[in-house]
Amino acid sequence: MFDREQLAYLNLIEKINCAYCAYTNGFIAYAQEIVARTEQYWCPIKHARRILGSHVRYANFIDFGDAEAYRRELGELRKVLGRKAE
């Protein structure tokens, strides 16, 4: 979101820094979504150990070591990626 440059109390350098942050955060969020979707398609399995900072799709992944659920749910997890957000 590019909106902080509208703040009158910021000087030029601060506005440039805000633009950089907005661009960088947007790019990283975009890249994270691509990686999350790729992981959901190819390997939607939770890790054996708890991880910090997982993406929002991770909660729907299949539990580590649950082979039956993997075979049963993999197709549906892939189909979800093709649906438009409601």
N, C-alpha and C. Protein backbone atom coordinates (compact mmCIF):
# COMPACT_ATOMS: atom_id res chain seq x y z
N MET A 1 0.86 -1.17 0.00
CA MET A 1 0.00 0.00 0.00
C MET A 1 0.90 1.23 0.00
N PHE A 2 0.75 2.03 -1.01
CA PHE A 2 1.51 3.27 -1.13
C PHE A 2 0.63 4.44 -0.68
N ASP A 3 0.69 4.77 0.60
CA ASP A 3 -0.13 5.87 1.08
C ASP A 3 0.60 6.81 2.03
N ARG A 4 1.72 6.39 2.55
CA ARG A 4 2.41 7.21 3.54
C ARG A 4 3.06 8.46 2.94
N GLU A 5 3.32 8.43 1.64
CA GLU A 5 3.92 9.63 1.03
C GLU A 5 2.98 10.82 1.05
N GLN A 6 1.73 10.59 1.37
CA GLN A 6 0.75 11.68 1.48
C GLN A 6 0.85 12.43 2.81
N LEU A 7 1.61 11.90 3.73
CA LEU A 7 1.75 12.54 5.04
C LEU A 7 2.63 13.78 4.92
N ALA A 8 2.06 14.92 5.24
CA ALA A 8 2.75 16.20 5.06
C ALA A 8 3.95 16.35 6.00
N TYR A 9 3.96 15.66 7.13
CA TYR A 9 5.04 15.84 8.10
C TYR A 9 6.30 15.03 7.78
N LEU A 10 6.27 14.22 6.71
CA LEU A 10 7.46 13.47 6.32
C LEU A 10 8.30 14.29 5.34
N ASN A 11 9.62 14.25 5.50
CA ASN A 11 10.48 14.93 4.54
C ASN A 11 10.69 14.01 3.33
N LEU A 12 11.40 14.46 2.33
CA LEU A 12 11.57 13.71 1.08
C LEU A 12 12.24 12.36 1.32
N ILE A 13 13.29 12.33 2.11
CA ILE A 13 14.00 11.08 2.39
C ILE A 13 13.07 10.08 3.09
N GLU A 14 12.30 10.55 4.05
CA GLU A 14 11.36 9.68 4.76
C GLU A 14 10.29 9.15 3.82
N LYS A 15 9.83 9.97 2.90
CA LYS A 15 8.82 9.52 1.93
C LYS A 15 9.41 8.46 1.00
N ILE A 16 10.67 8.65 0.60
CA ILE A 16 11.33 7.65 -0.25
C ILE A 16 11.48 6.34 0.52
N ASN A 17 11.87 6.43 1.79
CA ASN A 17 11.98 5.23 2.61
C ASN A 17 10.63 4.53 2.75
N CYS A 18 9.57 5.28 2.91
CA CYS A 18 8.23 4.69 3.02
C CYS A 18 7.83 4.00 1.71
N ALA A 19 8.17 4.61 0.59
CA ALA A 19 7.87 3.99 -0.71
C ALA A 19 8.65 2.69 -0.86
N TYR A 20 9.92 2.71 -0.45
CA TYR A 20 10.75 1.50 -0.51
C TYR A 20 10.13 0.41 0.35
N CYS A 21 9.73 0.73 1.57
CA CYS A 21 9.13 -0.26 2.47
C CYS A 21 7.83 -0.82 1.89
N ALA A 22 7.01 0.04 1.36
CA ALA A 22 5.73 -0.41 0.77
C ALA A 22 5.99 -1.37 -0.39
N TYR A 23 6.92 -1.00 -1.26
CA TYR A 23 7.24 -1.84 -2.41
C TYR A 23 7.82 -3.18 -1.94
N THR A 24 8.79 -3.13 -1.04
CA THR A 24 9.46 -4.34 -0.57
C THR A 24 8.50 -5.26 0.16
N ASN A 25 7.68 -4.73 1.05
CA ASN A 25 6.71 -5.56 1.76
C ASN A 25 5.70 -6.17 0.80
N GLY A 26 5.26 -5.41 -0.19
CA GLY A 26 4.34 -5.95 -1.19
C GLY A 26 4.97 -7.06 -2.01
N PHE A 27 6.23 -6.85 -2.40
CA PHE A 27 6.94 -7.87 -3.18
C PHE A 27 7.13 -9.15 -2.37
N ILE A 28 7.52 -9.00 -1.11
CA ILE A 28 7.73 -10.17 -0.26
C ILE A 28 6.41 -10.91 -0.02
N ALA A 29 5.32 -10.18 0.18
CA ALA A 29 4.01 -10.82 0.36
C ALA A 29 3.60 -11.58 -0.91
N TYR A 30 3.88 -10.99 -2.07
CA TYR A 30 3.59 -11.64 -3.35
C TYR A 30 4.41 -12.92 -3.50
N ALA A 31 5.70 -12.83 -3.21
CA ALA A 31 6.58 -14.00 -3.31
C ALA A 31 6.16 -15.08 -2.32
N GLN A 32 5.79 -14.69 -1.11
CA GLN A 32 5.35 -15.66 -0.11
C GLN A 32 4.09 -16.39 -0.57
N GLU A 33 3.18 -15.68 -1.20
CA GLU A 33 1.95 -16.32 -1.70
C GLU A 33 2.28 -17.31 -2.81
N ILE A 34 3.20 -16.98 -3.67
CA ILE A 34 3.61 -17.91 -4.73
C ILE A 34 4.21 -19.17 -4.12
N VAL A 35 5.10 -18.99 -3.15
CA VAL A 35 5.73 -20.13 -2.49
C VAL A 35 4.69 -20.96 -1.74
N ALA A 36 3.76 -20.32 -1.06
CA ALA A 36 2.72 -21.04 -0.32
C ALA A 36 1.85 -21.87 -1.25
N ARG A 37 1.49 -21.30 -2.38
CA ARG A 37 0.66 -22.05 -3.35
C ARG A 37 1.44 -23.21 -3.96
N THR A 38 2.72 -22.98 -4.22
CA THR A 38 3.56 -24.05 -4.77
C THR A 38 3.67 -25.19 -3.76
N GLU A 39 3.89 -24.83 -2.50
CA GLU A 39 3.97 -25.85 -1.46
C GLU A 39 2.65 -26.59 -1.30
N GLN A 40 1.54 -25.87 -1.38
CA GLN A 40 0.23 -26.52 -1.26
C GLN A 40 0.00 -27.50 -2.40
N TYR A 41 0.49 -27.18 -3.58
CA TYR A 41 0.29 -28.06 -4.73
C TYR A 41 1.19 -29.29 -4.65
N TRP A 42 2.46 -29.09 -4.37
CA TRP A 42 3.42 -30.17 -4.45
C TRP A 42 3.67 -30.92 -3.15
N CYS A 43 3.57 -30.27 -2.03
CA CYS A 43 3.95 -30.91 -0.77
C CYS A 43 3.17 -30.35 0.42
N PRO A 44 1.86 -30.52 0.44
CA PRO A 44 1.05 -29.96 1.54
C PRO A 44 1.09 -30.83 2.80
N ILE A 45 2.29 -31.02 3.32
CA ILE A 45 2.48 -31.85 4.51
C ILE A 45 3.10 -30.98 5.60
N LYS A 46 2.52 -31.03 6.77
CA LYS A 46 3.09 -30.29 7.90
C LYS A 46 4.42 -30.91 8.28
N HIS A 47 5.28 -30.11 8.85
CA HIS A 47 6.59 -30.60 9.29
C HIS A 47 6.45 -31.43 10.55
N ALA A 48 7.45 -32.27 10.81
CA ALA A 48 7.43 -33.12 11.99
C ALA A 48 7.52 -32.28 13.26
N ARG A 49 8.28 -31.19 13.21
CA ARG A 49 8.42 -30.30 14.36
C ARG A 49 7.64 -29.03 14.10
N ARG A 50 7.27 -28.39 15.17
CA ARG A 50 6.53 -27.12 15.08
C ARG A 50 7.43 -26.05 14.45
N ILE A 51 6.85 -25.25 13.54
CA ILE A 51 7.63 -24.20 12.90
C ILE A 51 7.05 -22.84 13.27
N LEU A 52 7.89 -21.84 13.22
CA LEU A 52 7.47 -20.47 13.50
C LEU A 52 7.23 -19.74 12.18
N GLY A 53 6.24 -18.89 12.14
CA GLY A 53 6.01 -18.03 10.98
C GLY A 53 5.50 -18.73 9.75
N SER A 54 4.65 -19.71 9.90
CA SER A 54 4.10 -20.38 8.72
C SER A 54 3.07 -19.50 8.03
N HIS A 55 2.85 -19.77 6.75
CA HIS A 55 1.85 -19.02 5.98
C HIS A 55 0.44 -19.50 6.31
N VAL A 56 -0.56 -18.75 5.88
CA VAL A 56 -1.94 -19.07 6.26
C VAL A 56 -2.43 -20.39 5.67
N ARG A 57 -1.87 -20.83 4.58
CA ARG A 57 -2.30 -22.09 3.96
C ARG A 57 -1.84 -23.31 4.76
N TYR A 58 -0.79 -23.13 5.54
CA TYR A 58 -0.16 -24.24 6.27
C TYR A 58 -1.14 -24.94 7.21
N ALA A 59 -2.06 -24.22 7.78
CA ALA A 59 -3.02 -24.80 8.73
C ALA A 59 -3.86 -25.91 8.10
N ASN A 60 -4.05 -25.86 6.78
CA ASN A 60 -4.86 -26.87 6.09
C ASN A 60 -4.03 -28.03 5.56
N PHE A 61 -2.73 -28.00 5.79
CA PHE A 61 -1.88 -29.08 5.29
C PHE A 61 -2.13 -30.36 6.08
N ILE A 62 -1.66 -31.45 5.53
CA ILE A 62 -1.87 -32.78 6.10
C ILE A 62 -0.81 -33.04 7.17
N ASP A 63 -1.21 -33.71 8.22
CA ASP A 63 -0.28 -34.01 9.31
C ASP A 63 0.88 -34.89 8.83
N PHE A 64 2.02 -34.63 9.38
CA PHE A 64 3.23 -35.39 9.08
C PHE A 64 3.01 -36.87 9.39
N GLY A 65 3.33 -37.73 8.45
CA GLY A 65 3.23 -39.17 8.66
C GLY A 65 1.88 -39.79 8.39
N ASP A 66 0.89 -39.00 8.01
CA ASP A 66 -0.46 -39.53 7.77
C ASP A 66 -0.62 -39.83 6.27
N ALA A 67 -0.14 -40.99 5.86
CA ALA A 67 -0.14 -41.37 4.45
C ALA A 67 -1.55 -41.48 3.87
N GLU A 68 -2.48 -42.02 4.65
CA GLU A 68 -3.85 -42.17 4.16
C GLU A 68 -4.49 -40.81 3.87
N ALA A 69 -4.33 -39.88 4.80
CA ALA A 69 -4.89 -38.55 4.60
C ALA A 69 -4.22 -37.85 3.42
N TYR A 70 -2.93 -38.07 3.24
CA TYR A 70 -2.21 -37.46 2.11
C TYR A 70 -2.83 -37.91 0.80
N ARG A 71 -3.01 -39.20 0.63
CA ARG A 71 -3.60 -39.72 -0.62
C ARG A 71 -5.05 -39.27 -0.78
N ARG A 72 -5.77 -39.19 0.32
CA ARG A 72 -7.19 -38.83 0.28
C ARG A 72 -7.39 -37.34 0.01
N GLU A 73 -6.55 -36.47 0.59
CA GLU A 73 -6.78 -35.03 0.56
C GLU A 73 -5.95 -34.26 -0.45
N LEU A 74 -4.94 -34.87 -1.03
CA LEU A 74 -4.05 -34.16 -1.95
C LEU A 74 -4.82 -33.55 -3.12
N GLY A 75 -5.69 -34.31 -3.73
CA GLY A 75 -6.45 -33.81 -4.88
C GLY A 75 -7.30 -32.59 -4.53
N GLU A 76 -7.94 -32.61 -3.39
CA GLU A 76 -8.78 -31.48 -2.98
C GLU A 76 -7.94 -30.25 -2.68
N LEU A 77 -6.80 -30.43 -2.03
CA LEU A 77 -5.92 -29.29 -1.77
C LEU A 77 -5.45 -28.65 -3.07
N ARG A 78 -5.23 -29.45 -4.08
CA ARG A 78 -4.83 -28.91 -5.38
C ARG A 78 -5.99 -28.20 -6.08
N LYS A 79 -7.19 -28.77 -5.96
CA LYS A 79 -8.37 -28.15 -6.58
C LYS A 79 -8.66 -26.78 -5.99
N VAL A 80 -8.47 -26.64 -4.70
CA VAL A 80 -8.73 -25.37 -4.01
C VAL A 80 -7.93 -24.25 -4.65
N LEU A 81 -6.73 -24.56 -5.11
CA LEU A 81 -5.88 -23.52 -5.73
C LEU A 81 -6.49 -22.97 -7.00
N GLY A 82 -7.27 -23.76 -7.70
CA GLY A 82 -7.86 -23.33 -8.96
C GLY A 82 -9.14 -22.51 -8.80
N ARG A 83 -9.69 -22.49 -7.61
CA ARG A 83 -10.94 -21.75 -7.37
C ARG A 83 -10.65 -20.28 -7.10
N LYS A 84 -11.55 -19.44 -7.54
CA LYS A 84 -11.44 -18.01 -7.25
C LYS A 84 -11.80 -17.74 -5.81
N ALA A 85 -11.16 -16.76 -5.23
CA ALA A 85 -11.47 -16.38 -3.84
C ALA A 85 -12.89 -15.83 -3.78
N GLU A 86 -13.60 -16.24 -2.76
CA GLU A 86 -15.00 -15.80 -2.63
C GLU A 86 -15.12 -14.68 -1.66
